[in-house]
Amino acid sequence: MIKPKYIRTSDNCIILFSGAMNHSDFKHLNPVSAGFISIGVDKDGNPDCECYGKSVSLELESDEKDSMKAKMQIFGNMY
């Protein structure tokens, strides 16, 4: 299974993309953190996501703030 990836740009935009692509394909966007993202539901059945891991090609790690930024961007006012 191919894991979805993400980057966070310097203006806090979360960009999701296929795990078949390389993080370095998005280097021109000047990412400040990068890794993988898991999207699903929490124990209460609410939509949820978690950013984790790191990008080897960009030498960047995920940031603990990335998950909340992704939730706000993807799910909107729920968070």
PDB file of N, CA and C in Angstrom:
ATOM      1  N   MET A   1       0.837  -1.187   0.000  1.00  0.00           N
ATOM      2  CA  MET A   1       0.000   0.000   0.000  1.00  0.00           C
ATOM      3  C   MET A   1       0.881   1.250   0.000  1.00  0.00           C
ATOM      4  N   ILE A   2       0.551   2.190  -0.843  1.00  0.00           N
ATOM      5  CA  ILE A   2       1.301   3.442  -0.944  1.00  0.00           C
ATOM      6  C   ILE A   2       0.730   4.429   0.076  1.00  0.00           C
ATOM      7  N   LYS A   3       1.590   4.953   0.940  1.00  0.00           N
ATOM      8  CA  LYS A   3       1.173   5.893   1.975  1.00  0.00           C
ATOM      9  C   LYS A   3       1.135   7.316   1.406  1.00  0.00           C
ATOM     10  N   PRO A   4       0.030   8.048   1.650  1.00  0.00           N
ATOM     11  CA  PRO A   4      -0.025   9.438   1.211  1.00  0.00           C
ATOM     12  C   PRO A   4       1.046  10.267   1.919  1.00  0.00           C
ATOM     13  N   LYS A   5       1.556  11.267   1.211  1.00  0.00           N
ATOM     14  CA  LYS A   5       2.597  12.134   1.752  1.00  0.00           C
ATOM     15  C   LYS A   5       2.075  13.564   1.827  1.00  0.00           C
ATOM     16  N   TYR A   6       2.832  14.394   2.530  1.00  0.00           N
ATOM     17  CA  TYR A   6       2.484  15.809   2.613  1.00  0.00           C
ATOM     18  C   TYR A   6       3.742  16.644   2.789  1.00  0.00           C
ATOM     19  N   ILE A   7       3.599  17.914   2.499  1.00  0.00           N
ATOM     20  CA  ILE A   7       4.588  18.923   2.889  1.00  0.00           C
ATOM     21  C   ILE A   7       3.809  20.068   3.517  1.00  0.00           C
ATOM     22  N   ARG A   8       4.481  20.854   4.355  1.00  0.00           N
ATOM     23  CA  ARG A   8       3.924  22.112   4.858  1.00  0.00           C
ATOM     24  C   ARG A   8       4.829  23.225   4.368  1.00  0.00           C
ATOM     25  N   THR A   9       4.232  24.197   3.701  1.00  0.00           N
ATOM     26  CA  THR A   9       5.004  25.310   3.161  1.00  0.00           C
ATOM     27  C   THR A   9       5.235  26.372   4.237  1.00  0.00           C
ATOM     28  N   SER A  10       6.090  27.316   3.942  1.00  0.00           N
ATOM     29  CA  SER A  10       6.416  28.370   4.907  1.00  0.00           C
ATOM     30  C   SER A  10       5.208  29.233   5.259  1.00  0.00           C
ATOM     31  N   ASP A  11       4.184  29.253   4.399  1.00  0.00           N
ATOM     32  CA  ASP A  11       2.962  30.002   4.718  1.00  0.00           C
ATOM     33  C   ASP A  11       1.879  29.090   5.308  1.00  0.00           C
ATOM     34  N   ASN A  12       2.309  27.945   5.862  1.00  0.00           N
ATOM     35  CA  ASN A  12       1.459  26.993   6.592  1.00  0.00           C
ATOM     36  C   ASN A  12       0.397  26.303   5.746  1.00  0.00           C
ATOM     37  N   CYS A  13       0.633  26.172   4.474  1.00  0.00           N
ATOM     38  CA  CYS A  13      -0.261  25.426   3.597  1.00  0.00           C
ATOM     39  C   CYS A  13       0.170  23.961   3.589  1.00  0.00           C
ATOM     40  N   ILE A  14      -0.758  23.072   3.884  1.00  0.00           N
ATOM     41  CA  ILE A  14      -0.502  21.636   3.835  1.00  0.00           C
ATOM     42  C   ILE A  14      -0.850  21.142   2.437  1.00  0.00           C
ATOM     43  N   ILE A  15       0.087  20.487   1.786  1.00  0.00           N
ATOM     44  CA  ILE A  15      -0.133  19.938   0.449  1.00  0.00           C
ATOM     45  C   ILE A  15      -0.010  18.426   0.539  1.00  0.00           C
ATOM     46  N   LEU A  16      -1.085  17.733   0.194  1.00  0.00           N
ATOM     47  CA  LEU A  16      -1.125  16.275   0.194  1.00  0.00           C
ATOM     48  C   LEU A  16      -0.878  15.765  -1.212  1.00  0.00           C
ATOM     49  N   PHE A  17      -0.201  14.610  -1.310  1.00  0.00           N
ATOM     50  CA  PHE A  17       0.044  14.031  -2.625  1.00  0.00           C
ATOM     51  C   PHE A  17       0.305  12.540  -2.505  1.00  0.00           C
ATOM     52  N   SER A  18       0.300  11.886  -3.620  1.00  0.00           N
ATOM     53  CA  SER A  18       0.473  10.445  -3.682  1.00  0.00           C
ATOM     54  C   SER A  18       1.844  10.016  -3.170  1.00  0.00           C
ATOM     55  N   GLY A  19       1.856   8.909  -2.463  1.00  0.00           N
ATOM     56  CA  GLY A  19       3.111   8.329  -2.001  1.00  0.00           C
ATOM     57  C   GLY A  19       3.978   7.834  -3.148  1.00  0.00           C
ATOM     58  N   ALA A  20       3.426   7.752  -4.352  1.00  0.00           N
ATOM     59  CA  ALA A  20       4.211   7.352  -5.519  1.00  0.00           C
ATOM     60  C   ALA A  20       5.134   8.474  -5.987  1.00  0.00           C
ATOM     61  N   MET A  21       4.884   9.690  -5.488  1.00  0.00           N
ATOM     62  CA  MET A  21       5.725  10.836  -5.833  1.00  0.00           C
ATOM     63  C   MET A  21       6.771  11.031  -4.745  1.00  0.00           C
ATOM     64  N   ASN A  22       7.795  11.810  -5.068  1.00  0.00           N
ATOM     65  CA  ASN A  22       8.839  12.125  -4.100  1.00  0.00           C
ATOM     66  C   ASN A  22       8.553  13.468  -3.438  1.00  0.00           C
ATOM     67  N   HIS A  23       8.892  13.565  -2.162  1.00  0.00           N
ATOM     68  CA  HIS A  23       8.788  14.858  -1.485  1.00  0.00           C
ATOM     69  C   HIS A  23       9.587  15.917  -2.240  1.00  0.00           C
ATOM     70  N   SER A  24      10.719  15.528  -2.766  1.00  0.00           N
ATOM     71  CA  SER A  24      11.597  16.485  -3.452  1.00  0.00           C
ATOM     72  C   SER A  24      10.958  17.075  -4.717  1.00  0.00           C
ATOM     73  N   ASP A  25       9.884  16.446  -5.235  1.00  0.00           N
ATOM     74  CA  ASP A  25       9.160  17.013  -6.371  1.00  0.00           C
ATOM     75  C   ASP A  25       8.531  18.360  -6.003  1.00  0.00           C
ATOM     76  N   PHE A  26       8.412  18.624  -4.705  1.00  0.00           N
ATOM     77  CA  PHE A  26       7.778  19.846  -4.218  1.00  0.00           C
ATOM     78  C   PHE A  26       8.784  20.805  -3.583  1.00  0.00           C
ATOM     79  N   LYS A  27      10.049  20.571  -3.841  1.00  0.00           N
ATOM     80  CA  LYS A  27      11.108  21.402  -3.266  1.00  0.00           C
ATOM     81  C   LYS A  27      10.952  22.873  -3.642  1.00  0.00           C
ATOM     82  N   HIS A  28      10.446  23.131  -4.851  1.00  0.00           N
ATOM     83  CA  HIS A  28      10.268  24.509  -5.323  1.00  0.00           C
ATOM     84  C   HIS A  28       9.272  25.305  -4.482  1.00  0.00           C
ATOM     85  N   LEU A  29       8.483  24.624  -3.643  1.00  0.00           N
ATOM     86  CA  LEU A  29       7.519  25.293  -2.766  1.00  0.00           C
ATOM     87  C   LEU A  29       8.120  25.641  -1.402  1.00  0.00           C
ATOM     88  N   ASN A  30       9.415  25.381  -1.245  1.00  0.00           N
ATOM     89  CA  ASN A  30      10.140  25.697  -0.013  1.00  0.00           C
ATOM     90  C   ASN A  30       9.482  25.123   1.244  1.00  0.00           C
ATOM     91  N   PRO A  31       9.332  23.808   1.306  1.00  0.00           N
ATOM     92  CA  PRO A  31       8.697  23.201   2.478  1.00  0.00           C
ATOM     93  C   PRO A  31       9.523  23.391   3.750  1.00  0.00           C
ATOM     94  N   VAL A  32       8.801  23.487   4.871  1.00  0.00           N
ATOM     95  CA  VAL A  32       9.459  23.626   6.170  1.00  0.00           C
ATOM     96  C   VAL A  32       9.325  22.357   7.007  1.00  0.00           C
ATOM     97  N   SER A  33       8.393  21.485   6.631  1.00  0.00           N
ATOM     98  CA  SER A  33       8.265  20.165   7.250  1.00  0.00           C
ATOM     99  C   SER A  33       7.624  19.236   6.223  1.00  0.00           C
ATOM    100  N   ALA A  34       7.814  17.943   6.436  1.00  0.00           N
ATOM    101  CA  ALA A  34       7.308  16.965   5.468  1.00  0.00           C
ATOM    102  C   ALA A  34       7.261  15.592   6.104  1.00  0.00           C
ATOM    103  N   GLY A  35       6.424  14.749   5.552  1.00  0.00           N
ATOM    104  CA  GLY A  35       6.317  13.378   6.042  1.00  0.00           C
ATOM    105  C   GLY A  35       5.151  12.670   5.380  1.00  0.00           C
ATOM    106  N   PHE A  36       4.495  11.847   6.162  1.00  0.00           N
ATOM    107  CA  PHE A  36       3.350  11.057   5.699  1.00  0.00           C
ATOM    108  C   PHE A  36       2.109  11.509   6.444  1.00  0.00           C
ATOM    109  N   ILE A  37       0.935  11.204   5.867  1.00  0.00           N
ATOM    110  CA  ILE A  37      -0.317  11.572   6.518  1.00  0.00           C
ATOM    111  C   ILE A  37      -1.284  10.396   6.469  1.00  0.00           C
ATOM    112  N   SER A  38      -1.921  10.172   7.594  1.00  0.00           N
ATOM    113  CA  SER A  38      -2.937   9.131   7.710  1.00  0.00           C
ATOM    114  C   SER A  38      -4.280   9.824   7.904  1.00  0.00           C
ATOM    115  N   ILE A  39      -5.258   9.478   7.067  1.00  0.00           N
ATOM    116  CA  ILE A  39      -6.586  10.085   7.146  1.00  0.00           C
ATOM    117  C   ILE A  39      -7.594   8.988   7.431  1.00  0.00           C
ATOM    118  N   GLY A  40      -8.434   9.229   8.422  1.00  0.00           N
ATOM    119  CA  GLY A  40      -9.432   8.234   8.802  1.00  0.00           C
ATOM    120  C   GLY A  40     -10.451   8.834   9.744  1.00  0.00           C
ATOM    121  N   VAL A  41     -10.899   8.029  10.700  1.00  0.00           N
ATOM    122  CA  VAL A  41     -11.850   8.476  11.719  1.00  0.00           C
ATOM    123  C   VAL A  41     -11.308   8.136  13.098  1.00  0.00           C
ATOM    124  N   ASP A  42     -11.687   8.954  14.089  1.00  0.00           N
ATOM    125  CA  ASP A  42     -11.262   8.676  15.457  1.00  0.00           C
ATOM    126  C   ASP A  42     -12.215   7.678  16.110  1.00  0.00           C
ATOM    127  N   LYS A  43     -12.013   7.406  17.382  1.00  0.00           N
ATOM    128  CA  LYS A  43     -12.812   6.388  18.086  1.00  0.00           C
ATOM    129  C   LYS A  43     -14.291   6.761  18.189  1.00  0.00           C
ATOM    130  N   ASP A  44     -14.599   8.044  18.021  1.00  0.00           N
ATOM    131  CA  ASP A  44     -15.984   8.510  18.077  1.00  0.00           C
ATOM    132  C   ASP A  44     -16.624   8.604  16.696  1.00  0.00           C
ATOM    133  N   GLY A  45     -15.901   8.226  15.663  1.00  0.00           N
ATOM    134  CA  GLY A  45     -16.424   8.263  14.305  1.00  0.00           C
ATOM    135  C   GLY A  45     -16.259   9.591  13.597  1.00  0.00           C
ATOM    136  N   ASN A  46     -15.475  10.513  14.186  1.00  0.00           N
ATOM    137  CA  ASN A  46     -15.235  11.814  13.568  1.00  0.00           C
ATOM    138  C   ASN A  46     -14.034  11.749  12.636  1.00  0.00           C
ATOM    139  N   PRO A  47     -14.050  12.516  11.537  1.00  0.00           N
ATOM    140  CA  PRO A  47     -12.901  12.511  10.638  1.00  0.00           C
ATOM    141  C   PRO A  47     -11.653  12.984  11.372  1.00  0.00           C
ATOM    142  N   ASP A  48     -10.523  12.389  11.028  1.00  0.00           N
ATOM    143  CA  ASP A  48      -9.273  12.708  11.708  1.00  0.00           C
ATOM    144  C   ASP A  48      -8.106  12.481  10.753  1.00  0.00           C
ATOM    145  N   CYS A  49      -6.984  13.088  11.055  1.00  0.00           N
ATOM    146  CA  CYS A  49      -5.769  12.825  10.306  1.00  0.00           C
ATOM    147  C   CYS A  49      -4.568  13.029  11.223  1.00  0.00           C
ATOM    148  N   GLU A  50      -3.472  12.398  10.850  1.00  0.00           N
ATOM    149  CA  GLU A  50      -2.244  12.518  11.632  1.00  0.00           C
ATOM    150  C   GLU A  50      -1.054  12.588  10.683  1.00  0.00           C
ATOM    151  N   CYS A  51      -0.200  13.574  10.911  1.00  0.00           N
ATOM    152  CA  CYS A  51       1.036  13.720  10.160  1.00  0.00           C
ATOM    153  C   CYS A  51       2.158  13.088  10.971  1.00  0.00           C
ATOM    154  N   TYR A  52       3.031  12.366  10.297  1.00  0.00           N
ATOM    155  CA  TYR A  52       4.090  11.652  11.007  1.00  0.00           C
ATOM    156  C   TYR A  52       5.270  11.389  10.083  1.00  0.00           C
ATOM    157  N   GLY A  53       6.360  10.952  10.666  1.00  0.00           N
ATOM    158  CA  GLY A  53       7.518  10.522   9.886  1.00  0.00           C
ATOM    159  C   GLY A  53       8.371  11.671   9.387  1.00  0.00           C
ATOM    160  N   LYS A  54       9.091  11.380   8.308  1.00  0.00           N
ATOM    161  CA  LYS A  54      10.003  12.371   7.743  1.00  0.00           C
ATOM    162  C   LYS A  54      10.201  12.133   6.256  1.00  0.00           C
ATOM    163  N   SER A  55      10.761  13.143   5.611  1.00  0.00           N
ATOM    164  CA  SER A  55      11.125  13.059   4.210  1.00  0.00           C
ATOM    165  C   SER A  55      12.631  12.859   4.115  1.00  0.00           C
ATOM    166  N   VAL A  56      13.032  11.763   3.528  1.00  0.00           N
ATOM    167  CA  VAL A  56      14.456  11.511   3.322  1.00  0.00           C
ATOM    168  C   VAL A  56      14.987  12.417   2.215  1.00  0.00           C
ATOM    169  N   SER A  57      14.209  12.584   1.142  1.00  0.00           N
ATOM    170  CA  SER A  57      14.692  13.352  -0.009  1.00  0.00           C
ATOM    171  C   SER A  57      14.837  14.842   0.294  1.00  0.00           C
ATOM    172  N   LEU A  58      14.040  15.369   1.245  1.00  0.00           N
ATOM    173  CA  LEU A  58      14.139  16.779   1.622  1.00  0.00           C
ATOM    174  C   LEU A  58      14.911  16.980   2.931  1.00  0.00           C
ATOM    175  N   GLU A  59      15.180  15.885   3.612  1.00  0.00           N
ATOM    176  CA  GLU A  59      15.824  15.939   4.925  1.00  0.00           C
ATOM    177  C   GLU A  59      15.031  16.820   5.891  1.00  0.00           C
ATOM    178  N   LEU A  60      13.699  16.626   5.888  1.00  0.00           N
ATOM    179  CA  LEU A  60      12.794  17.340   6.782  1.00  0.00           C
ATOM    180  C   LEU A  60      11.947  16.337   7.552  1.00  0.00           C
ATOM    181  N   GLU A  61      11.602  16.683   8.779  1.00  0.00           N
ATOM    182  CA  GLU A  61      10.728  15.840   9.595  1.00  0.00           C
ATOM    183  C   GLU A  61       9.354  16.478   9.708  1.00  0.00           C
ATOM    184  N   SER A  62       8.377  15.655  10.088  1.00  0.00           N
ATOM    185  CA  SER A  62       7.063  16.205  10.381  1.00  0.00           C
ATOM    186  C   SER A  62       7.163  17.001  11.674  1.00  0.00           C
ATOM    187  N   ASP A  63       6.286  17.953  11.824  1.00  0.00           N
ATOM    188  CA  ASP A  63       6.244  18.802  13.012  1.00  0.00           C
ATOM    189  C   ASP A  63       4.972  18.458  13.779  1.00  0.00           C
ATOM    190  N   GLU A  64       5.022  18.517  15.084  1.00  0.00           N
ATOM    191  CA  GLU A  64       3.849  18.163  15.884  1.00  0.00           C
ATOM    192  C   GLU A  64       2.647  19.063  15.574  1.00  0.00           C
ATOM    193  N   LYS A  65       2.849  20.250  15.049  1.00  0.00           N
ATOM    194  CA  LYS A  65       1.769  21.173  14.708  1.00  0.00           C
ATOM    195  C   LYS A  65       1.117  20.829  13.367  1.00  0.00           C
ATOM    196  N   ASP A  66       1.772  20.015  12.553  1.00  0.00           N
ATOM    197  CA  ASP A  66       1.276  19.718  11.205  1.00  0.00           C
ATOM    198  C   ASP A  66      -0.083  19.024  11.213  1.00  0.00           C
ATOM    199  N   SER A  67      -0.301  18.112  12.154  1.00  0.00           N
ATOM    200  CA  SER A  67      -1.582  17.394  12.196  1.00  0.00           C
ATOM    201  C   SER A  67      -2.749  18.349  12.397  1.00  0.00           C
ATOM    202  N   MET A  68      -2.630  19.292  13.321  1.00  0.00           N
ATOM    203  CA  MET A  68      -3.725  20.235  13.555  1.00  0.00           C
ATOM    204  C   MET A  68      -3.912  21.155  12.355  1.00  0.00           C
ATOM    205  N   LYS A  69      -2.835  21.598  11.733  1.00  0.00           N
ATOM    206  CA  LYS A  69      -2.953  22.446  10.545  1.00  0.00           C
ATOM    207  C   LYS A  69      -3.651  21.681   9.423  1.00  0.00           C
ATOM    208  N   ALA A  70      -3.298  20.397   9.255  1.00  0.00           N
ATOM    209  CA  ALA A  70      -3.936  19.572   8.226  1.00  0.00           C
ATOM    210  C   ALA A  70      -5.421  19.382   8.536  1.00  0.00           C
ATOM    211  N   LYS A  71      -5.766  19.118   9.794  1.00  0.00           N
ATOM    212  CA  LYS A  71      -7.171  18.947  10.180  1.00  0.00           C
ATOM    213  C   LYS A  71      -7.972  20.200   9.860  1.00  0.00           C
ATOM    214  N   MET A  72      -7.430  21.343  10.203  1.00  0.00           N
ATOM    215  CA  MET A  72      -8.139  22.604   9.951  1.00  0.00           C
ATOM    216  C   MET A  72      -8.310  22.860   8.461  1.00  0.00           C
ATOM    217  N   GLN A  73      -7.284  22.527   7.681  1.00  0.00           N
ATOM    218  CA  GLN A  73      -7.343  22.758   6.241  1.00  0.00           C
ATOM    219  C   GLN A  73      -8.271  21.771   5.549  1.00  0.00           C
ATOM    220  N   ILE A  74      -8.228  20.503   5.951  1.00  0.00           N
ATOM    221  CA  ILE A  74      -9.020  19.460   5.290  1.00  0.00           C
ATOM    222  C   ILE A  74     -10.477  19.450   5.756  1.00  0.00           C
ATOM    223  N   PHE A  75     -10.670  19.531   7.074  1.00  0.00           N
ATOM    224  CA  PHE A  75     -12.019  19.371   7.637  1.00  0.00           C
ATOM    225  C   PHE A  75     -12.685  20.686   8.032  1.00  0.00           C
ATOM    226  N   GLY A  76     -11.966  21.776   7.943  1.00  0.00           N
ATOM    227  CA  GLY A  76     -12.538  23.094   8.197  1.00  0.00           C
ATOM    228  C   GLY A  76     -12.899  23.376   9.630  1.00  0.00           C
ATOM    229  N   ASN A  77     -14.067  23.916   9.833  1.00  0.00           N
ATOM    230  CA  ASN A  77     -14.486  24.425  11.138  1.00  0.00           C
ATOM    231  C   ASN A  77     -14.690  23.362  12.197  1.00  0.00           C
ATOM    232  N   MET A  78     -14.562  22.114  11.848  1.00  0.00           N
ATOM    233  CA  MET A  78     -14.713  21.051  12.855  1.00  0.00           C
ATOM    234  C   MET A  78     -13.617  21.163  13.906  1.00  0.00           C
ATOM    235  N   TYR A  79     -12.472  21.791  13.537  1.00  0.00           N
ATOM    236  CA  TYR A  79     -11.337  21.845  14.448  1.00  0.00           C
ATOM    237  C   TYR A  79     -10.981  23.243  14.807  1.00  0.00           C
TER     238      TYR A  79
END
